[in-house]
Amino acid sequence: MALTNKQNRHLRALAHHLKPVVMVGDKGLTEEVVAAADEQLKFHELVTVKLTGSDKATRGATSESLAAGTRSAVVQVIGRTVVLYRPRKKNPAIVLPA
């Protein structure tokens, strides 16, 4: 899923106040973590994920793998926090700018 710069800015603004709902621990990206993130994206469309225990070099790969596993887009990676977005198929709550 490709987002334009305007859409990305809009989603980052919406995600600013969100608390992390999924945590990736020392074991890394497991099937359970991907399933939990997928479940949260069904309800919230925009979620933040906390990457604990990962070093700086693997954060980008972990966030991309998580996005691929959940069929979502990485909106932003700041430090150990990743913001993911996936619109609902029916009645999306977030309306993206054109």
PDB file of N, CA and C in Angstrom:
ATOM      1  N   MET A   1       0.849  -1.167   0.000  1.00  0.00           N
ATOM      2  CA  MET A   1       0.000   0.000   0.000  1.00  0.00           C
ATOM      3  C   MET A   1       0.901   1.238   0.000  1.00  0.00           C
ATOM      4  N   ALA A   2       0.741   2.058  -0.988  1.00  0.00           N
ATOM      5  CA  ALA A   2       1.554   3.268  -1.102  1.00  0.00           C
ATOM      6  C   ALA A   2       0.733   4.473  -0.651  1.00  0.00           C
ATOM      7  N   LEU A   3       1.331   5.280   0.182  1.00  0.00           N
ATOM      8  CA  LEU A   3       0.684   6.493   0.678  1.00  0.00           C
ATOM      9  C   LEU A   3       1.406   7.706   0.118  1.00  0.00           C
ATOM     10  N   THR A   4       0.646   8.746  -0.201  1.00  0.00           N
ATOM     11  CA  THR A   4       1.264   9.989  -0.644  1.00  0.00           C
ATOM     12  C   THR A   4       1.811  10.729   0.571  1.00  0.00           C
ATOM     13  N   ASN A   5       2.615  11.745   0.315  1.00  0.00           N
ATOM     14  CA  ASN A   5       3.170  12.534   1.422  1.00  0.00           C
ATOM     15  C   ASN A   5       2.074  13.215   2.235  1.00  0.00           C
ATOM     16  N   LYS A   6       1.053  13.697   1.550  1.00  0.00           N
ATOM     17  CA  LYS A   6      -0.050  14.369   2.242  1.00  0.00           C
ATOM     18  C   LYS A   6      -0.815  13.382   3.142  1.00  0.00           C
ATOM     19  N   GLN A   7      -1.062  12.187   2.626  1.00  0.00           N
ATOM     20  CA  GLN A   7      -1.739  11.164   3.411  1.00  0.00           C
ATOM     21  C   GLN A   7      -0.887  10.728   4.596  1.00  0.00           C
ATOM     22  N   ASN A   8       0.400  10.601   4.367  1.00  0.00           N
ATOM     23  CA  ASN A   8       1.323  10.217   5.428  1.00  0.00           C
ATOM     24  C   ASN A   8       1.340  11.255   6.551  1.00  0.00           C
ATOM     25  N   ARG A   9       1.384  12.526   6.202  1.00  0.00           N
ATOM     26  CA  ARG A   9       1.351  13.601   7.205  1.00  0.00           C
ATOM     27  C   ARG A   9       0.056  13.561   8.000  1.00  0.00           C
ATOM     28  N   HIS A  10      -1.056  13.330   7.305  1.00  0.00           N
ATOM     29  CA  HIS A  10      -2.365  13.264   7.965  1.00  0.00           C
ATOM     30  C   HIS A  10      -2.398  12.114   8.981  1.00  0.00           C
ATOM     31  N   LEU A  11      -1.899  10.947   8.578  1.00  0.00           N
ATOM     32  CA  LEU A  11      -1.896   9.792   9.476  1.00  0.00           C
ATOM     33  C   LEU A  11      -0.936   9.992  10.646  1.00  0.00           C
ATOM     34  N   ARG A  12       0.203  10.615  10.410  1.00  0.00           N
ATOM     35  CA  ARG A  12       1.134  10.890  11.514  1.00  0.00           C
ATOM     36  C   ARG A  12       0.499  11.821  12.537  1.00  0.00           C
ATOM     37  N   ALA A  13      -0.254  12.795  12.066  1.00  0.00           N
ATOM     38  CA  ALA A  13      -0.940  13.713  12.985  1.00  0.00           C
ATOM     39  C   ALA A  13      -1.985  12.977  13.810  1.00  0.00           C
ATOM     40  N   LEU A  14      -2.713  12.063  13.180  1.00  0.00           N
ATOM     41  CA  LEU A  14      -3.721  11.286  13.914  1.00  0.00           C
ATOM     42  C   LEU A  14      -3.081  10.337  14.919  1.00  0.00           C
ATOM     43  N   ALA A  15      -1.902   9.820  14.601  1.00  0.00           N
ATOM     44  CA  ALA A  15      -1.235   8.835  15.459  1.00  0.00           C
ATOM     45  C   ALA A  15      -0.460   9.464  16.602  1.00  0.00           C
ATOM     46  N   HIS A  16      -0.327  10.770  16.590  1.00  0.00           N
ATOM     47  CA  HIS A  16       0.512  11.445  17.578  1.00  0.00           C
ATOM     48  C   HIS A  16       0.115  11.125  19.019  1.00  0.00           C
ATOM     49  N   HIS A  17      -1.154  11.047  19.298  1.00  0.00           N
ATOM     50  CA  HIS A  17      -1.619  10.836  20.672  1.00  0.00           C
ATOM     51  C   HIS A  17      -1.841   9.366  21.030  1.00  0.00           C
ATOM     52  N   LEU A  18      -1.672   8.448  20.083  1.00  0.00           N
ATOM     53  CA  LEU A  18      -1.960   7.037  20.329  1.00  0.00           C
ATOM     54  C   LEU A  18      -0.902   6.377  21.205  1.00  0.00           C
ATOM     55  N   LYS A  19      -1.353   5.486  22.054  1.00  0.00           N
ATOM     56  CA  LYS A  19      -0.464   4.673  22.890  1.00  0.00           C
ATOM     57  C   LYS A  19      -0.210   3.348  22.175  1.00  0.00           C
ATOM     58  N   PRO A  20       0.948   2.734  22.377  1.00  0.00           N
ATOM     59  CA  PRO A  20       1.215   1.439  21.748  1.00  0.00           C
ATOM     60  C   PRO A  20       0.233   0.370  22.223  1.00  0.00           C
ATOM     61  N   VAL A  21      -0.284  -0.402  21.279  1.00  0.00           N
ATOM     62  CA  VAL A  21      -1.231  -1.464  21.609  1.00  0.00           C
ATOM     63  C   VAL A  21      -0.623  -2.847  21.414  1.00  0.00           C
ATOM     64  N   VAL A  22       0.510  -2.922  20.731  1.00  0.00           N
ATOM     65  CA  VAL A  22       1.212  -4.181  20.504  1.00  0.00           C
ATOM     66  C   VAL A  22       2.683  -3.950  20.823  1.00  0.00           C
ATOM     67  N   MET A  23       3.311  -4.958  21.448  1.00  0.00           N
ATOM     68  CA  MET A  23       4.733  -4.857  21.779  1.00  0.00           C
ATOM     69  C   MET A  23       5.487  -6.033  21.183  1.00  0.00           C
ATOM     70  N   VAL A  24       6.593  -5.747  20.515  1.00  0.00           N
ATOM     71  CA  VAL A  24       7.488  -6.777  20.002  1.00  0.00           C
ATOM     72  C   VAL A  24       8.601  -6.915  21.023  1.00  0.00           C
ATOM     73  N   GLY A  25       8.700  -8.087  21.637  1.00  0.00           N
ATOM     74  CA  GLY A  25       9.644  -8.292  22.725  1.00  0.00           C
ATOM     75  C   GLY A  25      11.001  -8.798  22.279  1.00  0.00           C
ATOM     76  N   ASP A  26      11.726  -9.373  23.227  1.00  0.00           N
ATOM     77  CA  ASP A  26      13.078  -9.862  22.980  1.00  0.00           C
ATOM     78  C   ASP A  26      13.118 -11.013  21.983  1.00  0.00           C
ATOM     79  N   LYS A  27      12.032 -11.764  21.868  1.00  0.00           N
ATOM     80  CA  LYS A  27      11.997 -12.892  20.931  1.00  0.00           C
ATOM     81  C   LYS A  27      11.836 -12.432  19.488  1.00  0.00           C
ATOM     82  N   GLY A  28      11.581 -11.159  19.292  1.00  0.00           N
ATOM     83  CA  GLY A  28      11.434 -10.626  17.947  1.00  0.00           C
ATOM     84  C   GLY A  28      10.028 -10.767  17.418  1.00  0.00           C
ATOM     85  N   LEU A  29       9.924 -10.741  16.117  1.00  0.00           N
ATOM     86  CA  LEU A  29       8.635 -10.789  15.451  1.00  0.00           C
ATOM     87  C   LEU A  29       8.165 -12.237  15.337  1.00  0.00           C
ATOM     88  N   THR A  30       7.154 -12.583  16.110  1.00  0.00           N
ATOM     89  CA  THR A  30       6.612 -13.940  16.099  1.00  0.00           C
ATOM     90  C   THR A  30       5.239 -13.930  15.442  1.00  0.00           C
ATOM     91  N   GLU A  31       4.710 -15.113  15.192  1.00  0.00           N
ATOM     92  CA  GLU A  31       3.380 -15.223  14.599  1.00  0.00           C
ATOM     93  C   GLU A  31       2.312 -14.623  15.510  1.00  0.00           C
ATOM     94  N   GLU A  32       2.512 -14.767  16.822  1.00  0.00           N
ATOM     95  CA  GLU A  32       1.547 -14.221  17.771  1.00  0.00           C
ATOM     96  C   GLU A  32       1.520 -12.694  17.720  1.00  0.00           C
ATOM     97  N   VAL A  33       2.676 -12.080  17.563  1.00  0.00           N
ATOM     98  CA  VAL A  33       2.751 -10.622  17.485  1.00  0.00           C
ATOM     99  C   VAL A  33       2.070 -10.139  16.206  1.00  0.00           C
ATOM    100  N   VAL A  34       2.326 -10.820  15.098  1.00  0.00           N
ATOM    101  CA  VAL A  34       1.696 -10.456  13.826  1.00  0.00           C
ATOM    102  C   VAL A  34       0.180 -10.619  13.931  1.00  0.00           C
ATOM    103  N   ALA A  35      -0.277 -11.694  14.564  1.00  0.00           N
ATOM    104  CA  ALA A  35      -1.714 -11.923  14.732  1.00  0.00           C
ATOM    105  C   ALA A  35      -2.342 -10.853  15.621  1.00  0.00           C
ATOM    106  N   ALA A  36      -1.635 -10.457  16.680  1.00  0.00           N
ATOM    107  CA  ALA A  36      -2.158  -9.411  17.576  1.00  0.00           C
ATOM    108  C   ALA A  36      -2.238  -8.071  16.846  1.00  0.00           C
ATOM    109  N   ALA A  37      -1.232  -7.738  16.066  1.00  0.00           N
ATOM    110  CA  ALA A  37      -1.252  -6.490  15.309  1.00  0.00           C
ATOM    111  C   ALA A  37      -2.356  -6.512  14.252  1.00  0.00           C
ATOM    112  N   ASP A  38      -2.533  -7.661  13.609  1.00  0.00           N
ATOM    113  CA  ASP A  38      -3.582  -7.805  12.604  1.00  0.00           C
ATOM    114  C   ASP A  38      -4.956  -7.614  13.240  1.00  0.00           C
ATOM    115  N   GLU A  39      -5.149  -8.185  14.412  1.00  0.00           N
ATOM    116  CA  GLU A  39      -6.420  -8.049  15.131  1.00  0.00           C
ATOM    117  C   GLU A  39      -6.682  -6.593  15.515  1.00  0.00           C
ATOM    118  N   GLN A  40      -5.668  -5.888  15.976  1.00  0.00           N
ATOM    119  CA  GLN A  40      -5.831  -4.478  16.337  1.00  0.00           C
ATOM    120  C   GLN A  40      -6.141  -3.624  15.114  1.00  0.00           C
ATOM    121  N   LEU A  41      -5.521  -3.942  13.984  1.00  0.00           N
ATOM    122  CA  LEU A  41      -5.772  -3.177  12.764  1.00  0.00           C
ATOM    123  C   LEU A  41      -7.192  -3.374  12.246  1.00  0.00           C
ATOM    124  N   LYS A  42      -7.815  -4.492  12.557  1.00  0.00           N
ATOM    125  CA  LYS A  42      -9.203  -4.718  12.153  1.00  0.00           C
ATOM    126  C   LYS A  42     -10.127  -3.701  12.805  1.00  0.00           C
ATOM    127  N   PHE A  43      -9.815  -3.353  14.048  1.00  0.00           N
ATOM    128  CA  PHE A  43     -10.689  -2.467  14.806  1.00  0.00           C
ATOM    129  C   PHE A  43     -10.278  -1.003  14.737  1.00  0.00           C
ATOM    130  N   HIS A  44      -8.980  -0.729  14.688  1.00  0.00           N
ATOM    131  CA  HIS A  44      -8.526   0.645  14.854  1.00  0.00           C
ATOM    132  C   HIS A  44      -7.988   1.310  13.594  1.00  0.00           C
ATOM    133  N   GLU A  45      -7.638   0.570  12.571  1.00  0.00           N
ATOM    134  CA  GLU A  45      -7.079   1.078  11.316  1.00  0.00           C
ATOM    135  C   GLU A  45      -5.690   1.691  11.482  1.00  0.00           C
ATOM    136  N   LEU A  46      -5.445   2.399  12.551  1.00  0.00           N
ATOM    137  CA  LEU A  46      -4.171   3.061  12.793  1.00  0.00           C
ATOM    138  C   LEU A  46      -3.681   2.650  14.177  1.00  0.00           C
ATOM    139  N   VAL A  47      -2.545   1.958  14.250  1.00  0.00           N
ATOM    140  CA  VAL A  47      -2.040   1.472  15.530  1.00  0.00           C
ATOM    141  C   VAL A  47      -0.556   1.780  15.663  1.00  0.00           C
ATOM    142  N   THR A  48      -0.121   1.859  16.908  1.00  0.00           N
ATOM    143  CA  THR A  48       1.303   2.010  17.179  1.00  0.00           C
ATOM    144  C   THR A  48       1.813   0.724  17.814  1.00  0.00           C
ATOM    145  N   VAL A  49       3.029   0.376  17.443  1.00  0.00           N
ATOM    146  CA  VAL A  49       3.668  -0.844  17.921  1.00  0.00           C
ATOM    147  C   VAL A  49       4.993  -0.450  18.548  1.00  0.00           C
ATOM    148  N   LYS A  50       5.278  -0.984  19.717  1.00  0.00           N
ATOM    149  CA  LYS A  50       6.527  -0.710  20.420  1.00  0.00           C
ATOM    150  C   LYS A  50       7.500  -1.851  20.156  1.00  0.00           C
ATOM    151  N   LEU A  51       8.694  -1.527  19.692  1.00  0.00           N
ATOM    152  CA  LEU A  51       9.742  -2.515  19.433  1.00  0.00           C
ATOM    153  C   LEU A  51      10.725  -2.491  20.589  1.00  0.00           C
ATOM    154  N   THR A  52      10.612  -3.429  21.511  1.00  0.00           N
ATOM    155  CA  THR A  52      11.537  -3.492  22.623  1.00  0.00           C
ATOM    156  C   THR A  52      12.568  -4.572  22.356  1.00  0.00           C
ATOM    157  N   GLY A  53      13.761  -4.364  22.819  1.00  0.00           N
ATOM    158  CA  GLY A  53      14.797  -5.373  22.713  1.00  0.00           C
ATOM    159  C   GLY A  53      15.449  -5.473  21.349  1.00  0.00           C
ATOM    160  N   SER A  54      15.070  -4.651  20.391  1.00  0.00           N
ATOM    161  CA  SER A  54      15.693  -4.726  19.077  1.00  0.00           C
ATOM    162  C   SER A  54      16.726  -3.610  18.932  1.00  0.00           C
ATOM    163  N   ASP A  55      17.774  -3.901  18.185  1.00  0.00           N
ATOM    164  CA  ASP A  55      18.791  -2.879  17.976  1.00  0.00           C
ATOM    165  C   ASP A  55      18.396  -1.997  16.796  1.00  0.00           C
ATOM    166  N   LYS A  56      19.116  -0.918  16.647  1.00  0.00           N
ATOM    167  CA  LYS A  56      18.783   0.090  15.654  1.00  0.00           C
ATOM    168  C   LYS A  56      18.807  -0.468  14.227  1.00  0.00           C
ATOM    169  N   ALA A  57      19.695  -1.392  13.956  1.00  0.00           N
ATOM    170  CA  ALA A  57      19.851  -1.929  12.603  1.00  0.00           C
ATOM    171  C   ALA A  57      18.660  -2.790  12.182  1.00  0.00           C
ATOM    172  N   THR A  58      18.029  -3.462  13.116  1.00  0.00           N
ATOM    173  CA  THR A  58      16.943  -4.379  12.750  1.00  0.00           C
ATOM    174  C   THR A  58      15.551  -3.768  12.872  1.00  0.00           C
ATOM    175  N   ARG A  59      15.429  -2.565  13.391  1.00  0.00           N
ATOM    176  CA  ARG A  59      14.101  -1.955  13.555  1.00  0.00           C
ATOM    177  C   ARG A  59      13.395  -1.751  12.222  1.00  0.00           C
ATOM    178  N   GLY A  60      14.121  -1.288  11.226  1.00  0.00           N
ATOM    179  CA  GLY A  60      13.511  -1.064   9.913  1.00  0.00           C
ATOM    180  C   GLY A  60      13.025  -2.358   9.297  1.00  0.00           C
ATOM    181  N   ALA A  61      13.847  -3.401   9.374  1.00  0.00           N
ATOM    182  CA  ALA A  61      13.455  -4.698   8.816  1.00  0.00           C
ATOM    183  C   ALA A  61      12.284  -5.292   9.581  1.00  0.00           C
ATOM    184  N   THR A  62      12.277  -5.138  10.904  1.00  0.00           N
ATOM    185  CA  THR A  62      11.179  -5.656  11.717  1.00  0.00           C
ATOM    186  C   THR A  62       9.876  -4.939  11.384  1.00  0.00           C
ATOM    187  N   SER A  63       9.925  -3.620  11.231  1.00  0.00           N
ATOM    188  CA  SER A  63       8.706  -2.867  10.922  1.00  0.00           C
ATOM    189  C   SER A  63       8.187  -3.221   9.530  1.00  0.00           C
ATOM    190  N   GLU A  64       9.075  -3.410   8.559  1.00  0.00           N
ATOM    191  CA  GLU A  64       8.643  -3.798   7.219  1.00  0.00           C
ATOM    192  C   GLU A  64       8.057  -5.210   7.209  1.00  0.00           C
ATOM    193  N   SER A  65       8.656  -6.109   7.965  1.00  0.00           N
ATOM    194  CA  SER A  65       8.136  -7.477   8.054  1.00  0.00           C
ATOM    195  C   SER A  65       6.767  -7.499   8.720  1.00  0.00           C
ATOM    196  N   LEU A  66       6.599  -6.684   9.742  1.00  0.00           N
ATOM    197  CA  LEU A  66       5.307  -6.593  10.428  1.00  0.00           C
ATOM    198  C   LEU A  66       4.248  -6.023   9.492  1.00  0.00           C
ATOM    199  N   ALA A  67       4.610  -5.008   8.729  1.00  0.00           N
ATOM    200  CA  ALA A  67       3.663  -4.425   7.775  1.00  0.00           C
ATOM    201  C   ALA A  67       3.286  -5.432   6.697  1.00  0.00           C
ATOM    202  N   ALA A  68       4.256  -6.191   6.222  1.00  0.00           N
ATOM    203  CA  ALA A  68       3.963  -7.203   5.205  1.00  0.00           C
ATOM    204  C   ALA A  68       3.076  -8.309   5.768  1.00  0.00           C
ATOM    205  N   GLY A  69       3.327  -8.711   7.010  1.00  0.00           N
ATOM    206  CA  GLY A  69       2.539  -9.761   7.640  1.00  0.00           C
ATOM    207  C   GLY A  69       1.109  -9.359   7.931  1.00  0.00           C
ATOM    208  N   THR A  70       0.881  -8.073   8.127  1.00  0.00           N
ATOM    209  CA  THR A  70      -0.463  -7.585   8.427  1.00  0.00           C
ATOM    210  C   THR A  70      -1.127  -6.906   7.232  1.00  0.00           C
ATOM    211  N   ARG A  71      -0.451  -6.869   6.103  1.00  0.00           N
ATOM    212  CA  ARG A  71      -0.950  -6.211   4.895  1.00  0.00           C
ATOM    213  C   ARG A  71      -1.299  -4.750   5.167  1.00  0.00           C
ATOM    214  N   SER A  72      -0.386  -4.061   5.834  1.00  0.00           N
ATOM    215  CA  SER A  72      -0.591  -2.664   6.187  1.00  0.00           C
ATOM    216  C   SER A  72       0.568  -1.827   5.658  1.00  0.00           C
ATOM    217  N   ALA A  73       0.504  -0.543   5.918  1.00  0.00           N
ATOM    218  CA  ALA A  73       1.556   0.380   5.492  1.00  0.00           C
ATOM    219  C   ALA A  73       2.248   0.951   6.717  1.00  0.00           C
ATOM    220  N   VAL A  74       3.553   1.087   6.635  1.00  0.00           N
ATOM    221  CA  VAL A  74       4.304   1.746   7.696  1.00  0.00           C
ATOM    222  C   VAL A  74       4.163   3.248   7.481  1.00  0.00           C
ATOM    223  N   VAL A  75       3.553   3.920   8.438  1.00  0.00           N
ATOM    224  CA  VAL A  75       3.363   5.357   8.352  1.00  0.00           C
ATOM    225  C   VAL A  75       4.601   6.076   8.862  1.00  0.00           C
ATOM    226  N   GLN A  76       5.158   5.565   9.971  1.00  0.00           N
ATOM    227  CA  GLN A  76       6.254   6.267  10.614  1.00  0.00           C
ATOM    228  C   GLN A  76       7.006   5.324  11.534  1.00  0.00           C
ATOM    229  N   VAL A  77       8.316   5.532  11.604  1.00  0.00           N
ATOM    230  CA  VAL A  77       9.153   4.835  12.574  1.00  0.00           C
ATOM    231  C   VAL A  77       9.938   5.904  13.311  1.00  0.00           C
ATOM    232  N   ILE A  78       9.685   6.019  14.602  1.00  0.00           N
ATOM    233  CA  ILE A  78      10.432   6.965  15.436  1.00  0.00           C
ATOM    234  C   ILE A  78      10.995   6.180  16.597  1.00  0.00           C
ATOM    235  N   GLY A  79      12.310   6.077  16.635  1.00  0.00           N
ATOM    236  CA  GLY A  79      12.944   5.327  17.706  1.00  0.00           C
ATOM    237  C   GLY A  79      12.465   3.901  17.709  1.00  0.00           C
ATOM    238  N   ARG A  80      11.816   3.504  18.779  1.00  0.00           N
ATOM    239  CA  ARG A  80      11.306   2.134  18.910  1.00  0.00           C
ATOM    240  C   ARG A  80       9.804   2.033  18.676  1.00  0.00           C
ATOM    241  N   THR A  81       9.203   3.078  18.146  1.00  0.00           N
ATOM    242  CA  THR A  81       7.767   3.096  17.910  1.00  0.00           C
ATOM    243  C   THR A  81       7.475   3.098  16.413  1.00  0.00           C
ATOM    244  N   VAL A  82       6.588   2.204  16.004  1.00  0.00           N
ATOM    245  CA  VAL A  82       6.187   2.073  14.605  1.00  0.00           C
ATOM    246  C   VAL A  82       4.694   2.343  14.514  1.00  0.00           C
ATOM    247  N   VAL A  83       4.287   3.122  13.528  1.00  0.00           N
ATOM    248  CA  VAL A  83       2.872   3.395  13.283  1.00  0.00           C
ATOM    249  C   VAL A  83       2.468   2.658  12.015  1.00  0.00           C
ATOM    250  N   LEU A  84       1.406   1.842  12.116  1.00  0.00           N
ATOM    251  CA  LEU A  84       0.896   1.070  10.987  1.00  0.00           C
ATOM    252  C   LEU A  84      -0.516   1.522  10.641  1.00  0.00           C
ATOM    253  N   TYR A  85      -0.843   1.473   9.345  1.00  0.00           N
ATOM    254  CA  TYR A  85      -2.173   1.862   8.884  1.00  0.00           C
ATOM    255  C   TYR A  85      -2.693   0.827   7.891  1.00  0.00           C
ATOM    256  N   ARG A  86      -3.926   0.423   8.094  1.00  0.00           N
ATOM    257  CA  ARG A  86      -4.635  -0.433   7.136  1.00  0.00           C
ATOM    258  C   ARG A  86      -6.110  -0.042   7.187  1.00  0.00           C
ATOM    259  N   PRO A  87      -6.666   0.447   6.075  1.00  0.00           N
ATOM    260  CA  PRO A  87      -8.078   0.848   6.093  1.00  0.00           C
ATOM    261  C   PRO A  87      -8.997  -0.358   6.153  1.00  0.00           C
ATOM    262  N   ARG A  88     -10.142  -0.168   6.759  1.00  0.00           N
ATOM    263  CA  ARG A  88     -11.167  -1.214   6.774  1.00  0.00           C
ATOM    264  C   ARG A  88     -11.773  -1.340   5.383  1.00  0.00           C
ATOM    265  N   LYS A  89     -12.231  -2.530   5.062  1.00  0.00           N
ATOM    266  CA  LYS A  89     -12.868  -2.740   3.761  1.00  0.00           C
ATOM    267  C   LYS A  89     -14.262  -2.104   3.728  1.00  0.00           C
ATOM    268  N   LYS A  90     -14.979  -2.199   4.854  1.00  0.00           N
ATOM    269  CA  LYS A  90     -16.307  -1.594   4.955  1.00  0.00           C
ATOM    270  C   LYS A  90     -16.257  -0.471   6.002  1.00  0.00           C
ATOM    271  N   ASN A  91     -16.839   0.637   5.667  1.00  0.00           N
ATOM    272  CA  ASN A  91     -16.958   1.776   6.587  1.00  0.00           C
ATOM    273  C   ASN A  91     -15.633   2.202   7.217  1.00  0.00           C
ATOM    274  N   PRO A  92     -14.674   2.656   6.421  1.00  0.00           N
ATOM    275  CA  PRO A  92     -13.418   3.111   7.033  1.00  0.00           C
ATOM    276  C   PRO A  92     -13.659   4.343   7.900  1.00  0.00           C
ATOM    277  N   ALA A  93     -13.025   4.363   9.060  1.00  0.00           N
ATOM    278  CA  ALA A  93     -13.196   5.471   9.994  1.00  0.00           C
ATOM    279  C   ALA A  93     -12.295   6.642   9.642  1.00  0.00           C
ATOM    280  N   ILE A  94     -11.171   6.362   9.023  1.00  0.00           N
ATOM    281  CA  ILE A  94     -10.210   7.407   8.662  1.00  0.00           C
ATOM    282  C   ILE A  94     -10.355   7.708   7.185  1.00  0.00           C
ATOM    283  N   VAL A  95     -10.630   8.966   6.878  1.00  0.00           N
ATOM    284  CA  VAL A  95     -10.749   9.405   5.499  1.00  0.00           C
ATOM    285  C   VAL A  95      -9.446  10.108   5.123  1.00  0.00           C
ATOM    286  N   LEU A  96      -8.754   9.570   4.154  1.00  0.00           N
ATOM    287  CA  LEU A  96      -7.469  10.124   3.736  1.00  0.00           C
ATOM    288  C   LEU A  96      -7.681  11.259   2.737  1.00  0.00           C
ATOM    289  N   PRO A  97      -6.842  12.300   2.799  1.00  0.00           N
ATOM    290  CA  PRO A  97      -6.917  13.352   1.790  1.00  0.00           C
ATOM    291  C   PRO A  97      -6.489  12.815   0.429  1.00  0.00           C
ATOM    292  N   ALA A  98      -6.981  13.428  -0.608  1.00  0.00           N
ATOM    293  CA  ALA A  98      -6.676  12.964  -1.970  1.00  0.00           C
ATOM    294  C   ALA A  98      -5.237  13.207  -2.365  1.00  0.00           C
TER     295      ALA A  98
END
